[in-house]
Amino acid sequence: MLEKTTRMNFLYDFYHSLLTDKQRSYMSLYYLDDFSLGEIAEEYEVSRQAVYDNIKRTEAMLEEYESKLLLFKKFQERSHLLKQLKTFVSDDGLSIIESLEKLD
């Protein structure tokens, strides 16, 4: 479950601007603020099932965006390569790598 939550948080970070306000709000409350489905339902005065359906649809949308755009995959690959690069460069090169890391 933690792995899924971490993945959803990353996908949300990359693609949240493609979601509707309601989708952003539900996902933020559920994944970032750790609200339960019942708490979100109470907040928005909808059924727990409506919140669940919206979150599941939004998760599927985020996965679809990732399958087409691959922003998260590329981010992971860049992070891995930068980590490897750190082991091969001198102290002078480390500041350049740190500058590259700040771009993400």
N, C-alpha and C. Protein backbone atom coordinates (compact mmCIF):
# COMPACT_ATOMS: atom_id res chain seq x y z
N MET A 1 0.82 -1.20 0.00
CA MET A 1 0.00 0.00 0.00
C MET A 1 0.86 1.26 0.00
N LEU A 2 1.95 1.24 0.76
CA LEU A 2 2.83 2.40 0.81
C LEU A 2 3.44 2.68 -0.56
N GLU A 3 3.80 1.63 -1.27
CA GLU A 3 4.37 1.78 -2.60
C GLU A 3 3.37 2.44 -3.55
N LYS A 4 2.11 2.02 -3.48
CA LYS A 4 1.07 2.61 -4.33
C LYS A 4 0.85 4.07 -3.96
N THR A 5 0.83 4.36 -2.67
CA THR A 5 0.64 5.73 -2.22
C THR A 5 1.78 6.62 -2.72
N THR A 6 3.00 6.14 -2.60
CA THR A 6 4.15 6.90 -3.08
C THR A 6 4.05 7.14 -4.58
N ARG A 7 3.70 6.11 -5.32
CA ARG A 7 3.56 6.25 -6.78
C ARG A 7 2.47 7.27 -7.12
N MET A 8 1.33 7.17 -6.47
CA MET A 8 0.23 8.10 -6.73
C MET A 8 0.61 9.54 -6.39
N ASN A 9 1.37 9.70 -5.31
CA ASN A 9 1.83 11.04 -4.95
C ASN A 9 2.73 11.62 -6.03
N PHE A 10 3.64 10.81 -6.56
CA PHE A 10 4.50 11.27 -7.64
C PHE A 10 3.68 11.58 -8.90
N LEU A 11 2.79 10.67 -9.27
CA LEU A 11 1.97 10.92 -10.46
C LEU A 11 1.12 12.17 -10.28
N TYR A 12 0.58 12.35 -9.09
CA TYR A 12 -0.20 13.55 -8.80
C TYR A 12 0.68 14.80 -8.97
N ASP A 13 1.90 14.76 -8.46
CA ASP A 13 2.81 15.90 -8.60
C ASP A 13 3.05 16.25 -10.06
N PHE A 14 3.23 15.23 -10.88
CA PHE A 14 3.53 15.47 -12.29
C PHE A 14 2.31 15.90 -13.10
N TYR A 15 1.15 15.34 -12.80
CA TYR A 15 -0.01 15.51 -13.69
C TYR A 15 -1.21 16.23 -13.06
N HIS A 16 -1.07 16.79 -11.86
CA HIS A 16 -2.23 17.39 -11.20
C HIS A 16 -2.87 18.52 -12.01
N SER A 17 -2.08 19.21 -12.80
CA SER A 17 -2.65 20.32 -13.59
C SER A 17 -3.59 19.82 -14.69
N LEU A 18 -3.57 18.53 -14.99
CA LEU A 18 -4.45 17.96 -16.01
C LEU A 18 -5.78 17.48 -15.41
N LEU A 19 -5.92 17.57 -14.10
CA LEU A 19 -7.12 17.10 -13.42
C LEU A 19 -8.10 18.25 -13.17
N THR A 20 -9.35 17.89 -12.95
CA THR A 20 -10.35 18.89 -12.58
C THR A 20 -10.11 19.31 -11.13
N ASP A 21 -10.74 20.40 -10.72
CA ASP A 21 -10.60 20.87 -9.35
C ASP A 21 -11.06 19.80 -8.35
N LYS A 22 -12.18 19.15 -8.65
CA LYS A 22 -12.70 18.12 -7.74
C LYS A 22 -11.75 16.93 -7.67
N GLN A 23 -11.22 16.51 -8.80
CA GLN A 23 -10.27 15.40 -8.80
C GLN A 23 -9.03 15.76 -7.99
N ARG A 24 -8.52 16.97 -8.20
CA ARG A 24 -7.34 17.41 -7.45
C ARG A 24 -7.63 17.41 -5.95
N SER A 25 -8.78 17.92 -5.60
CA SER A 25 -9.15 18.02 -4.19
C SER A 25 -9.27 16.64 -3.55
N TYR A 26 -9.99 15.73 -4.18
CA TYR A 26 -10.16 14.38 -3.64
C TYR A 26 -8.81 13.67 -3.51
N MET A 27 -7.99 13.75 -4.55
CA MET A 27 -6.69 13.07 -4.53
C MET A 27 -5.78 13.68 -3.47
N SER A 28 -5.80 14.98 -3.36
CA SER A 28 -4.97 15.65 -2.36
C SER A 28 -5.39 15.25 -0.95
N LEU A 29 -6.67 15.27 -0.69
CA LEU A 29 -7.15 14.89 0.64
C LEU A 29 -6.85 13.43 0.94
N TYR A 30 -7.05 12.56 -0.05
CA TYR A 30 -6.89 11.12 0.17
C TYR A 30 -5.41 10.73 0.29
N TYR A 31 -4.59 11.17 -0.64
CA TYR A 31 -3.20 10.72 -0.68
C TYR A 31 -2.24 11.62 0.09
N LEU A 32 -2.44 12.92 0.05
CA LEU A 32 -1.49 13.81 0.71
C LEU A 32 -1.86 14.09 2.16
N ASP A 33 -3.16 14.27 2.42
CA ASP A 33 -3.60 14.60 3.77
C ASP A 33 -4.10 13.39 4.56
N ASP A 34 -4.13 12.23 3.93
CA ASP A 34 -4.50 10.96 4.56
C ASP A 34 -5.92 10.96 5.13
N PHE A 35 -6.84 11.62 4.43
CA PHE A 35 -8.25 11.56 4.82
C PHE A 35 -8.82 10.21 4.41
N SER A 36 -9.78 9.73 5.15
CA SER A 36 -10.47 8.50 4.76
C SER A 36 -11.54 8.85 3.72
N LEU A 37 -12.06 7.82 3.05
CA LEU A 37 -13.13 8.05 2.09
C LEU A 37 -14.34 8.68 2.78
N GLY A 38 -14.64 8.21 3.98
CA GLY A 38 -15.77 8.74 4.73
C GLY A 38 -15.59 10.21 5.09
N GLU A 39 -14.38 10.59 5.46
CA GLU A 39 -14.11 11.99 5.81
C GLU A 39 -14.26 12.91 4.59
N ILE A 40 -13.78 12.43 3.45
CA ILE A 40 -13.92 13.22 2.21
C ILE A 40 -15.39 13.32 1.84
N ALA A 41 -16.11 12.21 1.94
CA ALA A 41 -17.54 12.20 1.62
C ALA A 41 -18.30 13.19 2.51
N GLU A 42 -17.96 13.21 3.78
CA GLU A 42 -18.61 14.13 4.71
C GLU A 42 -18.29 15.58 4.35
N GLU A 43 -17.05 15.83 4.02
CA GLU A 43 -16.60 17.18 3.65
C GLU A 43 -17.36 17.72 2.44
N TYR A 44 -17.59 16.85 1.45
CA TYR A 44 -18.24 17.27 0.20
C TYR A 44 -19.73 16.92 0.13
N GLU A 45 -20.23 16.32 1.20
CA GLU A 45 -21.64 15.95 1.28
C GLU A 45 -22.07 15.06 0.10
N VAL A 46 -21.25 14.04 -0.14
CA VAL A 46 -21.54 13.02 -1.16
C VAL A 46 -21.38 11.66 -0.50
N SER A 47 -21.72 10.62 -1.22
CA SER A 47 -21.58 9.28 -0.65
C SER A 47 -20.12 8.84 -0.68
N ARG A 48 -19.81 7.91 0.20
CA ARG A 48 -18.48 7.33 0.24
C ARG A 48 -18.16 6.65 -1.09
N GLN A 49 -19.16 6.01 -1.68
CA GLN A 49 -19.00 5.33 -2.97
C GLN A 49 -18.65 6.33 -4.06
N ALA A 50 -19.26 7.51 -4.03
CA ALA A 50 -18.95 8.54 -5.04
C ALA A 50 -17.49 8.97 -4.94
N VAL A 51 -17.01 9.13 -3.73
CA VAL A 51 -15.60 9.51 -3.52
C VAL A 51 -14.70 8.38 -4.02
N TYR A 52 -15.01 7.15 -3.65
CA TYR A 52 -14.22 5.98 -4.07
C TYR A 52 -14.16 5.90 -5.59
N ASP A 53 -15.30 6.02 -6.25
CA ASP A 53 -15.35 5.95 -7.72
C ASP A 53 -14.51 7.05 -8.36
N ASN A 54 -14.62 8.26 -7.81
CA ASN A 54 -13.86 9.39 -8.35
C ASN A 54 -12.36 9.16 -8.20
N ILE A 55 -11.95 8.69 -7.05
CA ILE A 55 -10.52 8.44 -6.81
C ILE A 55 -10.01 7.33 -7.73
N LYS A 56 -10.77 6.26 -7.88
CA LYS A 56 -10.35 5.16 -8.76
C LYS A 56 -10.24 5.61 -10.21
N ARG A 57 -11.20 6.40 -10.67
CA ARG A 57 -11.14 6.93 -12.05
C ARG A 57 -9.92 7.85 -12.21
N THR A 58 -9.69 8.67 -11.21
CA THR A 58 -8.56 9.60 -11.27
C THR A 58 -7.23 8.84 -11.26
N GLU A 59 -7.12 7.81 -10.44
CA GLU A 59 -5.91 6.98 -10.44
C GLU A 59 -5.67 6.40 -11.82
N ALA A 60 -6.73 5.90 -12.45
CA ALA A 60 -6.60 5.32 -13.79
C ALA A 60 -6.17 6.39 -14.79
N MET A 61 -6.70 7.58 -14.66
CA MET A 61 -6.30 8.68 -15.55
C MET A 61 -4.82 9.02 -15.37
N LEU A 62 -4.37 9.09 -14.12
CA LEU A 62 -2.96 9.39 -13.86
C LEU A 62 -2.06 8.32 -14.45
N GLU A 63 -2.46 7.06 -14.31
CA GLU A 63 -1.67 5.96 -14.90
C GLU A 63 -1.67 6.06 -16.43
N GLU A 64 -2.79 6.46 -17.00
CA GLU A 64 -2.87 6.62 -18.46
C GLU A 64 -1.96 7.77 -18.93
N TYR A 65 -1.97 8.88 -18.22
CA TYR A 65 -1.07 9.99 -18.55
C TYR A 65 0.38 9.53 -18.49
N GLU A 66 0.71 8.78 -17.44
CA GLU A 66 2.08 8.30 -17.29
C GLU A 66 2.46 7.33 -18.41
N SER A 67 1.54 6.48 -18.82
CA SER A 67 1.86 5.52 -19.89
C SER A 67 2.15 6.24 -21.21
N LYS A 68 1.58 7.42 -21.38
CA LYS A 68 1.80 8.17 -22.63
C LYS A 68 2.95 9.16 -22.53
N LEU A 69 3.09 9.83 -21.39
CA LEU A 69 4.07 10.90 -21.26
C LEU A 69 5.37 10.49 -20.57
N LEU A 70 5.29 9.48 -19.72
CA LEU A 70 6.45 8.89 -19.04
C LEU A 70 7.27 9.89 -18.20
N LEU A 71 6.63 10.91 -17.66
CA LEU A 71 7.36 11.89 -16.86
C LEU A 71 7.96 11.28 -15.60
N PHE A 72 7.20 10.44 -14.92
CA PHE A 72 7.69 9.82 -13.69
C PHE A 72 8.83 8.84 -14.00
N LYS A 73 8.67 8.05 -15.03
CA LYS A 73 9.72 7.09 -15.41
C LYS A 73 11.02 7.83 -15.75
N LYS A 74 10.92 8.90 -16.50
CA LYS A 74 12.11 9.68 -16.86
C LYS A 74 12.74 10.33 -15.64
N PHE A 75 11.90 10.79 -14.71
CA PHE A 75 12.40 11.37 -13.46
C PHE A 75 13.19 10.32 -12.68
N GLN A 76 12.65 9.10 -12.59
CA GLN A 76 13.34 8.03 -11.87
C GLN A 76 14.67 7.70 -12.54
N GLU A 77 14.67 7.64 -13.86
CA GLU A 77 15.90 7.32 -14.59
C GLU A 77 16.95 8.42 -14.39
N ARG A 78 16.51 9.69 -14.47
CA ARG A 78 17.44 10.81 -14.25
C ARG A 78 18.02 10.75 -12.84
N SER A 79 17.18 10.49 -11.86
CA SER A 79 17.64 10.42 -10.48
C SER A 79 18.68 9.31 -10.30
N HIS A 80 18.41 8.17 -10.91
CA HIS A 80 19.34 7.04 -10.84
C HIS A 80 20.67 7.39 -11.51
N LEU A 81 20.61 7.99 -12.68
CA LEU A 81 21.83 8.36 -13.39
C LEU A 81 22.63 9.42 -12.63
N LEU A 82 21.96 10.39 -12.05
CA LEU A 82 22.65 11.42 -11.28
C LEU A 82 23.34 10.80 -10.06
N LYS A 83 22.68 9.85 -9.44
CA LYS A 83 23.27 9.16 -8.28
C LYS A 83 24.53 8.42 -8.71
N GLN A 84 24.47 7.74 -9.84
CA GLN A 84 25.65 7.03 -10.35
C GLN A 84 26.75 8.02 -10.71
N LEU A 85 26.38 9.11 -11.32
CA LEU A 85 27.36 10.11 -11.76
C LEU A 85 28.11 10.69 -10.57
N LYS A 86 27.43 10.86 -9.45
CA LYS A 86 28.07 11.41 -8.25
C LYS A 86 29.27 10.58 -7.81
N THR A 87 29.21 9.29 -8.05
CA THR A 87 30.31 8.42 -7.60
C THR A 87 31.54 8.55 -8.51
N PHE A 88 31.37 9.12 -9.69
CA PHE A 88 32.47 9.19 -10.65
C PHE A 88 33.09 10.57 -10.83
N VAL A 89 32.54 11.59 -10.22
CA VAL A 89 33.05 12.94 -10.47
C VAL A 89 33.81 13.46 -9.25
N SER A 90 34.63 14.47 -9.52
CA SER A 90 35.38 15.11 -8.44
C SER A 90 34.47 16.06 -7.67
N ASP A 91 35.02 16.64 -6.64
CA ASP A 91 34.25 17.58 -5.82
C ASP A 91 33.73 18.76 -6.63
N ASP A 92 34.51 19.21 -7.61
CA ASP A 92 34.08 20.33 -8.45
C ASP A 92 32.82 19.98 -9.24
N GLY A 93 32.77 18.76 -9.72
CA GLY A 93 31.63 18.32 -10.51
C GLY A 93 30.37 18.12 -9.68
N LEU A 94 30.52 17.91 -8.39
CA LEU A 94 29.36 17.68 -7.53
C LEU A 94 28.43 18.89 -7.50
N SER A 95 28.97 20.08 -7.55
CA SER A 95 28.13 21.28 -7.53
C SER A 95 27.28 21.36 -8.80
N ILE A 96 27.84 20.91 -9.91
CA ILE A 96 27.08 20.89 -11.16
C ILE A 96 25.95 19.87 -11.06
N ILE A 97 26.24 18.72 -10.51
CA ILE A 97 25.22 17.68 -10.34
C ILE A 97 24.12 18.17 -9.41
N GLU A 98 24.49 18.81 -8.32
CA GLU A 98 23.50 19.34 -7.39
C GLU A 98 22.61 20.38 -8.07
N SER A 99 23.18 21.18 -8.96
CA SER A 99 22.39 22.15 -9.72
C SER A 99 21.41 21.45 -10.64
N LEU A 100 21.85 20.36 -11.24
CA LEU A 100 20.95 19.57 -12.10
C LEU A 100 19.81 18.96 -11.28
N GLU A 101 20.11 18.48 -10.10
CA GLU A 101 19.09 17.88 -9.25
C GLU A 101 18.03 18.90 -8.85
N LYS A 102 18.42 20.13 -8.66
CA LYS A 102 17.46 21.17 -8.27
C LYS A 102 16.46 21.49 -9.38
N LEU A 103 16.81 21.15 -10.62
CA LEU A 103 15.91 21.39 -11.73
C LEU A 103 14.69 20.50 -11.67
N ASP A 104 14.80 19.32 -11.05
CA ASP A 104 13.66 18.42 -10.91
C ASP A 104 12.83 18.91 -9.78
